[in-house]
PDB file of N, CA and C in Angstrom:
ATOM      1  N   UNK A   1      97.509  48.728  23.770  1.00  0.00           N
ATOM      2  CA  UNK A   1      97.997  49.029  22.423  1.00  0.00           C
ATOM      3  C   UNK A   1      99.077  47.900  21.580  1.00  0.00           C
ATOM      4  N   UNK A   2      99.224  48.101  20.537  1.00  0.00           N
ATOM      5  CA  UNK A   2      99.146  46.797  19.496  1.00  0.00           C
ATOM      6  C   UNK A   2      98.346  46.371  18.886  1.00  0.00           C
ATOM      7  N   UNK A   3      96.758  46.936  19.126  1.00  0.00           N
ATOM      8  CA  UNK A   3      95.943  46.191  18.275  1.00  0.00           C
ATOM      9  C   UNK A   3      95.512  47.042  16.976  1.00  0.00           C
ATOM     10  N   UNK A   4      96.675  47.388  15.963  1.00  0.00           N
ATOM     11  CA  UNK A   4      96.681  48.203  14.749  1.00  0.00           C
ATOM     12  C   UNK A   4      95.266  47.642  13.905  1.00  0.00           C
ATOM     13  N   UNK A   5      95.637  46.053  13.602  1.00  0.00           N
ATOM     14  CA  UNK A   5      94.651  46.228  12.791  1.00  0.00           C
ATOM     15  C   UNK A   5      93.491  45.904  12.829  1.00  0.00           C
ATOM     16  N   UNK A   6      93.010  45.554  14.450  1.00  0.00           N
ATOM     17  CA  UNK A   6      91.583  45.866  14.823  1.00  0.00           C
ATOM     18  C   UNK A   6      91.142  47.162  14.627  1.00  0.00           C
ATOM     19  N   UNK A   7      91.903  47.910  15.103  1.00  0.00           N
ATOM     20  CA  UNK A   7      91.475  49.638  14.741  1.00  0.00           C
ATOM     21  C   UNK A   7      91.253  50.256  13.570  1.00  0.00           C
ATOM     22  N   UNK A   8      92.287  49.893  13.125  1.00  0.00           N
ATOM     23  CA  UNK A   8      92.202  50.389  11.349  1.00  0.00           C
ATOM     24  C   UNK A   8      90.934  49.557  10.769  1.00  0.00           C
ATOM     25  N   UNK A   9      90.263  48.215  11.126  1.00  0.00           N
ATOM     26  CA  UNK A   9      89.493  47.730  10.607  1.00  0.00           C
ATOM     27  C   UNK A   9      88.005  48.786  11.444  1.00  0.00           C
ATOM     28  N   UNK A  10      88.085  49.072  12.324  1.00  0.00           N
ATOM     29  CA  UNK A  10      86.663  49.501  13.011  1.00  0.00           C
ATOM     30  C   UNK A  10      86.487  51.081  12.794  1.00  0.00           C
ATOM     31  N   UNK A  11      87.780  51.921  12.095  1.00  0.00           N
ATOM     32  CA  UNK A  11      87.863  52.841  11.555  1.00  0.00           C
ATOM     33  C   UNK A  11      87.262  53.165  10.276  1.00  0.00           C
ATOM     34  N   UNK A  12      87.869  52.154   9.419  1.00  0.00           N
ATOM     35  CA  UNK A  12      87.045  51.867   7.964  1.00  0.00           C
ATOM     36  C   UNK A  12      85.803  51.397   8.313  1.00  0.00           C
ATOM     37  N   UNK A  13      85.144  50.849   8.919  1.00  0.00           N
ATOM     38  CA  UNK A  13      83.507  50.645   9.268  1.00  0.00           C
ATOM     39  C   UNK A  13      83.011  52.524   9.514  1.00  0.00           C
ATOM     40  N   UNK A  14      83.332  52.740   9.974  1.00  0.00           N
ATOM     41  CA  UNK A  14      83.340  54.351  10.480  1.00  0.00           C
ATOM     42  C   UNK A  14      82.957  55.004   9.045  1.00  0.00           C
ATOM     43  N   UNK A  15      84.217  54.965   8.454  1.00  0.00           N
ATOM     44  CA  UNK A  15      84.333  55.821   6.882  1.00  0.00           C
ATOM     45  C   UNK A  15      83.375  54.701   6.028  1.00  0.00           C
ATOM     46  N   UNK A  16      83.065  54.120   6.302  1.00  0.00           N
ATOM     47  CA  UNK A  16      82.149  52.958   5.328  1.00  0.00           C
ATOM     48  C   UNK A  16      81.107  53.847   5.356  1.00  0.00           C
ATOM     49  N   UNK A  17      80.582  54.101   6.502  1.00  0.00           N
ATOM     50  CA  UNK A  17      78.809  54.917   6.597  1.00  0.00           C
ATOM     51  C   UNK A  17      79.209  56.644   6.414  1.00  0.00           C
ATOM     52  N   UNK A  18      80.428  56.888   6.680  1.00  0.00           N
ATOM     53  CA  UNK A  18      80.769  58.660   7.011  1.00  0.00           C
ATOM     54  C   UNK A  18      81.976  59.085   6.117  1.00  0.00           C
ATOM     55  N   UNK A  19      82.420  58.928   4.701  1.00  0.00           N
ATOM     56  CA  UNK A  19      83.516  58.832   4.461  1.00  0.00           C
ATOM     57  C   UNK A  19      84.106  60.601   4.975  1.00  0.00           C
ATOM     58  N   UNK A  20      83.388  61.021   5.608  1.00  0.00           N
ATOM     59  CA  UNK A  20      84.287  62.709   5.945  1.00  0.00           C
ATOM     60  C   UNK A  20      83.954  62.449   7.392  1.00  0.00           C
ATOM     61  N   UNK A  21      84.463  61.518   7.977  1.00  0.00           N
ATOM     62  CA  UNK A  21      84.511  61.535   9.214  1.00  0.00           C
ATOM     63  C   UNK A  21      85.806  61.729  10.004  1.00  0.00           C
ATOM     64  N   UNK A  22      86.070  63.506  10.363  1.00  0.00           N
ATOM     65  CA  UNK A  22      87.459  63.540  10.496  1.00  0.00           C
ATOM     66  C   UNK A  22      88.186  62.939  11.874  1.00  0.00           C
ATOM     67  N   UNK A  23      87.193  62.433  12.376  1.00  0.00           N
ATOM     68  CA  UNK A  23      87.754  61.814  13.954  1.00  0.00           C
ATOM     69  C   UNK A  23      88.243  60.638  13.413  1.00  0.00           C
ATOM     70  N   UNK A  24      87.522  59.896  12.628  1.00  0.00           N
ATOM     71  CA  UNK A  24      87.910  58.728  12.047  1.00  0.00           C
ATOM     72  C   UNK A  24      89.286  58.464  11.106  1.00  0.00           C
ATOM     73  N   UNK A  25      89.402  59.799  10.405  1.00  0.00           N
ATOM     74  CA  UNK A  25      90.646  59.865   9.577  1.00  0.00           C
ATOM     75  C   UNK A  25      91.796  60.093  10.434  1.00  0.00           C
ATOM     76  N   UNK A  26      91.396  60.988  11.724  1.00  0.00           N
ATOM     77  CA  UNK A  26      92.378  61.540  11.969  1.00  0.00           C
ATOM     78  C   UNK A  26      92.810  60.396  13.060  1.00  0.00           C
ATOM     79  N   UNK A  27      91.684  59.524  13.536  1.00  0.00           N
ATOM     80  CA  UNK A  27      92.441  58.468  14.343  1.00  0.00           C
ATOM     81  C   UNK A  27      93.189  57.323  13.540  1.00  0.00           C
ATOM     82  N   UNK A  28      93.232  56.886  12.038  1.00  0.00           N
ATOM     83  CA  UNK A  28      93.440  56.712  11.217  1.00  0.00           C
ATOM     84  C   UNK A  28      95.047  56.586  10.543  1.00  0.00           C
ATOM     85  N   UNK A  29      94.966  58.216  10.630  1.00  0.00           N
ATOM     86  CA  UNK A  29      96.222  58.286  10.187  1.00  0.00           C
ATOM     87  C   UNK A  29      97.315  58.364  11.808  1.00  0.00           C
ATOM     88  N   UNK A  30      96.571  58.488  12.893  1.00  0.00           N
ATOM     89  CA  UNK A  30      97.704  58.247  14.043  1.00  0.00           C
ATOM     90  C   UNK A  30      98.056  56.567  14.038  1.00  0.00           C
ATOM     91  N   UNK A  31      97.063  55.927  13.659  1.00  0.00           N
ATOM     92  CA  UNK A  31      97.777  54.006  13.815  1.00  0.00           C
ATOM     93  C   UNK A  31      98.478  54.380  12.383  1.00  0.00           C
ATOM     94  N   UNK A  32      98.261  54.744  11.651  1.00  0.00           N
ATOM     95  CA  UNK A  32      99.377  54.440  10.687  1.00  0.00           C
ATOM     96  C   UNK A  32     100.848  55.278  10.866  1.00  0.00           C
ATOM     97  N   UNK A  33     100.506  56.453  11.649  1.00  0.00           N
ATOM     98  CA  UNK A  33     101.666  56.885  12.153  1.00  0.00           C
ATOM     99  C   UNK A  33     102.513  55.703  13.360  1.00  0.00           C
ATOM    100  N   UNK A  34     101.753  55.376  13.748  1.00  0.00           N
ATOM    101  CA  UNK A  34     102.203  54.121  15.023  1.00  0.00           C
ATOM    102  C   UNK A  34     102.916  53.256  14.105  1.00  0.00           C
ATOM    103  N   UNK A  35     101.961  52.540  13.040  1.00  0.00           N
ATOM    104  CA  UNK A  35     102.741  51.387  12.527  1.00  0.00           C
ATOM    105  C   UNK A  35     104.208  52.136  11.672  1.00  0.00           C
ATOM    106  N   UNK A  36     104.503  53.004  11.252  1.00  0.00           N
ATOM    107  CA  UNK A  36     105.294  53.679  10.357  1.00  0.00           C
ATOM    108  C   UNK A  36     104.938  53.423   8.713  1.00  0.00           C
ATOM    109  N   UNK A  37     104.197  53.489   8.951  1.00  0.00           N
ATOM    110  CA  UNK A  37     103.209  53.899   7.607  1.00  0.00           C
ATOM    111  C   UNK A  37     102.880  55.143   6.753  1.00  0.00           C
ATOM    112  N   UNK A  38     103.928  55.855   6.254  1.00  0.00           N
ATOM    113  CA  UNK A  38     104.545  57.380   5.854  1.00  0.00           C
ATOM    114  C   UNK A  38     103.720  57.599   4.791  1.00  0.00           C
ATOM    115  N   UNK A  39     103.610  56.785   3.870  1.00  0.00           N
ATOM    116  CA  UNK A  39     102.571  57.198   2.390  1.00  0.00           C
ATOM    117  C   UNK A  39     100.975  56.984   2.898  1.00  0.00           C
ATOM    118  N   UNK A  40     100.942  56.130   4.250  1.00  0.00           N
ATOM    119  CA  UNK A  40      99.146  56.310   4.597  1.00  0.00           C
ATOM    120  C   UNK A  40      98.750  57.532   5.198  1.00  0.00           C
ATOM    121  N   UNK A  41      99.781  57.516   5.884  1.00  0.00           N
ATOM    122  CA  UNK A  41      99.783  58.876   6.864  1.00  0.00           C
ATOM    123  C   UNK A  41      99.572  60.227   6.125  1.00  0.00           C
ATOM    124  N   UNK A  42     100.133  60.222   5.120  1.00  0.00           N
ATOM    125  CA  UNK A  42     100.012  61.364   3.402  1.00  0.00           C
ATOM    126  C   UNK A  42      98.814  61.309   3.229  1.00  0.00           C
ATOM    127  N   UNK A  43      98.372  59.888   2.601  1.00  0.00           N
ATOM    128  CA  UNK A  43      97.079  60.075   2.487  1.00  0.00           C
ATOM    129  C   UNK A  43      96.175  60.539   2.968  1.00  0.00           C
ATOM    130  N   UNK A  44      95.480  60.018   3.937  1.00  0.00           N
ATOM    131  CA  UNK A  44      94.959  59.957   5.124  1.00  0.00           C
ATOM    132  C   UNK A  44      95.148  61.712   5.562  1.00  0.00           C
ATOM    133  N   UNK A  45      96.036  62.238   5.885  1.00  0.00           N
ATOM    134  CA  UNK A  45      96.242  63.596   6.089  1.00  0.00           C
ATOM    135  C   UNK A  45      95.367  64.539   5.277  1.00  0.00           C
ATOM    136  N   UNK A  46      95.765  63.905   4.109  1.00  0.00           N
ATOM    137  CA  UNK A  46      95.343  65.069   2.908  1.00  0.00           C
ATOM    138  C   UNK A  46      93.624  65.008   2.745  1.00  0.00           C
ATOM    139  N   UNK A  47      93.348  63.583   3.017  1.00  0.00           N
ATOM    140  CA  UNK A  47      91.737  63.768   3.560  1.00  0.00           C
ATOM    141  C   UNK A  47      91.290  64.751   4.498  1.00  0.00           C
ATOM    142  N   UNK A  48      92.394  64.441   5.713  1.00  0.00           N
ATOM    143  CA  UNK A  48      91.500  65.440   6.802  1.00  0.00           C
ATOM    144  C   UNK A  48      91.679  66.918   6.185  1.00  0.00           C
ATOM    145  N   UNK A  49      92.628  67.406   5.808  1.00  0.00           N
ATOM    146  CA  UNK A  49      92.561  68.819   5.369  1.00  0.00           C
ATOM    147  C   UNK A  49      91.649  69.092   4.418  1.00  0.00           C
ATOM    148  N   UNK A  50      91.224  68.140   3.298  1.00  0.00           N
ATOM    149  CA  UNK A  50      89.999  68.139   2.649  1.00  0.00           C
ATOM    150  C   UNK A  50      89.174  68.744   3.509  1.00  0.00           C
ATOM    151  N   UNK A  51      88.679  68.317   4.602  1.00  0.00           N
ATOM    152  CA  UNK A  51      87.303  68.582   5.354  1.00  0.00           C
ATOM    153  C   UNK A  51      87.701  69.756   6.452  1.00  0.00           C
ATOM    154  N   UNK A  52      89.370  69.852   6.980  1.00  0.00           N
ATOM    155  CA  UNK A  52      89.440  71.197   7.934  1.00  0.00           C
ATOM    156  C   UNK A  52      90.957  71.817   7.404  1.00  0.00           C
ATOM    157  N   UNK A  53      91.355  73.002   6.496  1.00  0.00           N
ATOM    158  CA  UNK A  53      91.689  73.035   6.108  1.00  0.00           C
ATOM    159  C   UNK A  53      92.849  73.697   6.646  1.00  0.00           C
ATOM    160  N   UNK A  54      92.599  74.288   7.640  1.00  0.00           N
ATOM    161  CA  UNK A  54      93.362  74.942   8.660  1.00  0.00           C
ATOM    162  C   UNK A  54      93.971  73.980  10.119  1.00  0.00           C
ATOM    163  N   UNK A  55      94.229  73.144   9.499  1.00  0.00           N
ATOM    164  CA  UNK A  55      94.636  72.218  10.427  1.00  0.00           C
ATOM    165  C   UNK A  55      96.805  72.418  10.818  1.00  0.00           C
ATOM    166  N   UNK A  56      96.949  73.383  11.507  1.00  0.00           N
ATOM    167  CA  UNK A  56      98.557  73.264  11.227  1.00  0.00           C
ATOM    168  C   UNK A  56      99.303  72.441  11.615  1.00  0.00           C
ATOM    169  N   UNK A  57      98.991  71.514  12.401  1.00  0.00           N
ATOM    170  CA  UNK A  57      99.477  70.610  13.511  1.00  0.00           C
ATOM    171  C   UNK A  57     100.026  69.234  12.233  1.00  0.00           C
ATOM    172  N   UNK A  58      98.894  69.019  11.134  1.00  0.00           N
ATOM    173  CA  UNK A  58      98.832  68.231  10.360  1.00  0.00           C
ATOM    174  C   UNK A  58      99.662  68.417   8.886  1.00  0.00           C
ATOM    175  N   UNK A  59      99.069  69.951   8.827  1.00  0.00           N
ATOM    176  CA  UNK A  59     100.576  70.317   7.424  1.00  0.00           C
ATOM    177  C   UNK A  59     101.570  70.344   8.302  1.00  0.00           C
ATOM    178  N   UNK A  60     102.057  70.367   9.662  1.00  0.00           N
ATOM    179  CA  UNK A  60     103.477  69.752  10.165  1.00  0.00           C
ATOM    180  C   UNK A  60     104.009  68.869   9.560  1.00  0.00           C
ATOM    181  N   UNK A  61     103.259  67.666  10.390  1.00  0.00           N
ATOM    182  CA  UNK A  61     103.610  66.566  10.012  1.00  0.00           C
ATOM    183  C   UNK A  61     103.764  66.391   8.666  1.00  0.00           C
ATOM    184  N   UNK A  62     102.833  66.760   7.451  1.00  0.00           N
ATOM    185  CA  UNK A  62     103.043  66.145   6.592  1.00  0.00           C
ATOM    186  C   UNK A  62     104.389  66.671   5.694  1.00  0.00           C
ATOM    187  N   UNK A  63     104.618  67.855   6.017  1.00  0.00           N
ATOM    188  CA  UNK A  63     106.164  68.028   5.817  1.00  0.00           C
ATOM    189  C   UNK A  63     107.092  67.159   6.405  1.00  0.00           C
ATOM    190  N   UNK A  64     107.026  67.102   7.646  1.00  0.00           N
ATOM    191  CA  UNK A  64     108.345  66.088   8.312  1.00  0.00           C
ATOM    192  C   UNK A  64     108.110  64.824   7.438  1.00  0.00           C
ATOM    193  N   UNK A  65     107.000  64.059   7.162  1.00  0.00           N
ATOM    194  CA  UNK A  65     106.767  62.997   6.633  1.00  0.00           C
ATOM    195  C   UNK A  65     107.447  62.617   4.731  1.00  0.00           C
ATOM    196  N   UNK A  66     107.184  64.117   4.513  1.00  0.00           N
ATOM    197  CA  UNK A  66     107.708  64.325   3.078  1.00  0.00           C
ATOM    198  C   UNK A  66     109.214  64.440   3.378  1.00  0.00           C
ATOM    199  N   UNK A  67     109.585  64.820   3.971  1.00  0.00           N
ATOM    200  CA  UNK A  67     111.243  65.605   3.754  1.00  0.00           C
ATOM    201  C   UNK A  67     112.045  63.711   4.425  1.00  0.00           C
ATOM    202  N   UNK A  68     111.376  62.983   5.320  1.00  0.00           N
ATOM    203  CA  UNK A  68     111.692  61.723   5.342  1.00  0.00           C
ATOM    204  C   UNK A  68     111.675  60.516   4.188  1.00  0.00           C
ATOM    205  N   UNK A  69     110.600  61.133   3.544  1.00  0.00           N
ATOM    206  CA  UNK A  69     110.157  60.376   2.374  1.00  0.00           C
ATOM    207  C   UNK A  69     111.417  60.376   1.321  1.00  0.00           C
ATOM    208  N   UNK A  70     111.784  61.664   1.369  1.00  0.00           N
ATOM    209  CA  UNK A  70     112.486  61.853  -0.288  1.00  0.00           C
ATOM    210  C   UNK A  70     114.043  62.483   0.240  1.00  0.00           C
ATOM    211  N   UNK A  71     114.563  61.829   1.582  1.00  0.00           N
ATOM    212  CA  UNK A  71     115.690  61.759   1.910  1.00  0.00           C
ATOM    213  C   UNK A  71     116.424  61.213   2.080  1.00  0.00           C
ATOM    214  N   UNK A  72     117.838  61.015   1.242  1.00  0.00           N
ATOM    215  CA  UNK A  72     118.218  59.547   1.145  1.00  0.00           C
ATOM    216  C   UNK A  72     118.531  58.480   2.448  1.00  0.00           C
ATOM    217  N   UNK A  73     118.688  57.093   2.484  1.00  0.00           N
ATOM    218  CA  UNK A  73     119.089  56.739   3.580  1.00  0.00           C
ATOM    219  C   UNK A  73     120.193  56.831   4.183  1.00  0.00           C
ATOM    220  N   UNK A  74     120.465  57.128   5.222  1.00  0.00           N
ATOM    221  CA  UNK A  74     121.433  56.912   6.098  1.00  0.00           C
ATOM    222  C   UNK A  74     122.408  56.090   6.112  1.00  0.00           C
TER     223      UNK A  74
END
């Protein structure tokens, strides 16, 4: 745990070779979620859905993040 920078670099190398690699994109969204980069999670999730449009868990997480991002801070 905690080696997020190295993970992102490894994933990016994979995506350089195959930009539509669903596993790499999914892993990238997990890393971004772990480091609380909601906008990045949304961006990568959109790419995931462009490859596999029927992914209810991705859609659900995206809805949650959009609500979080548009809600005023408490």
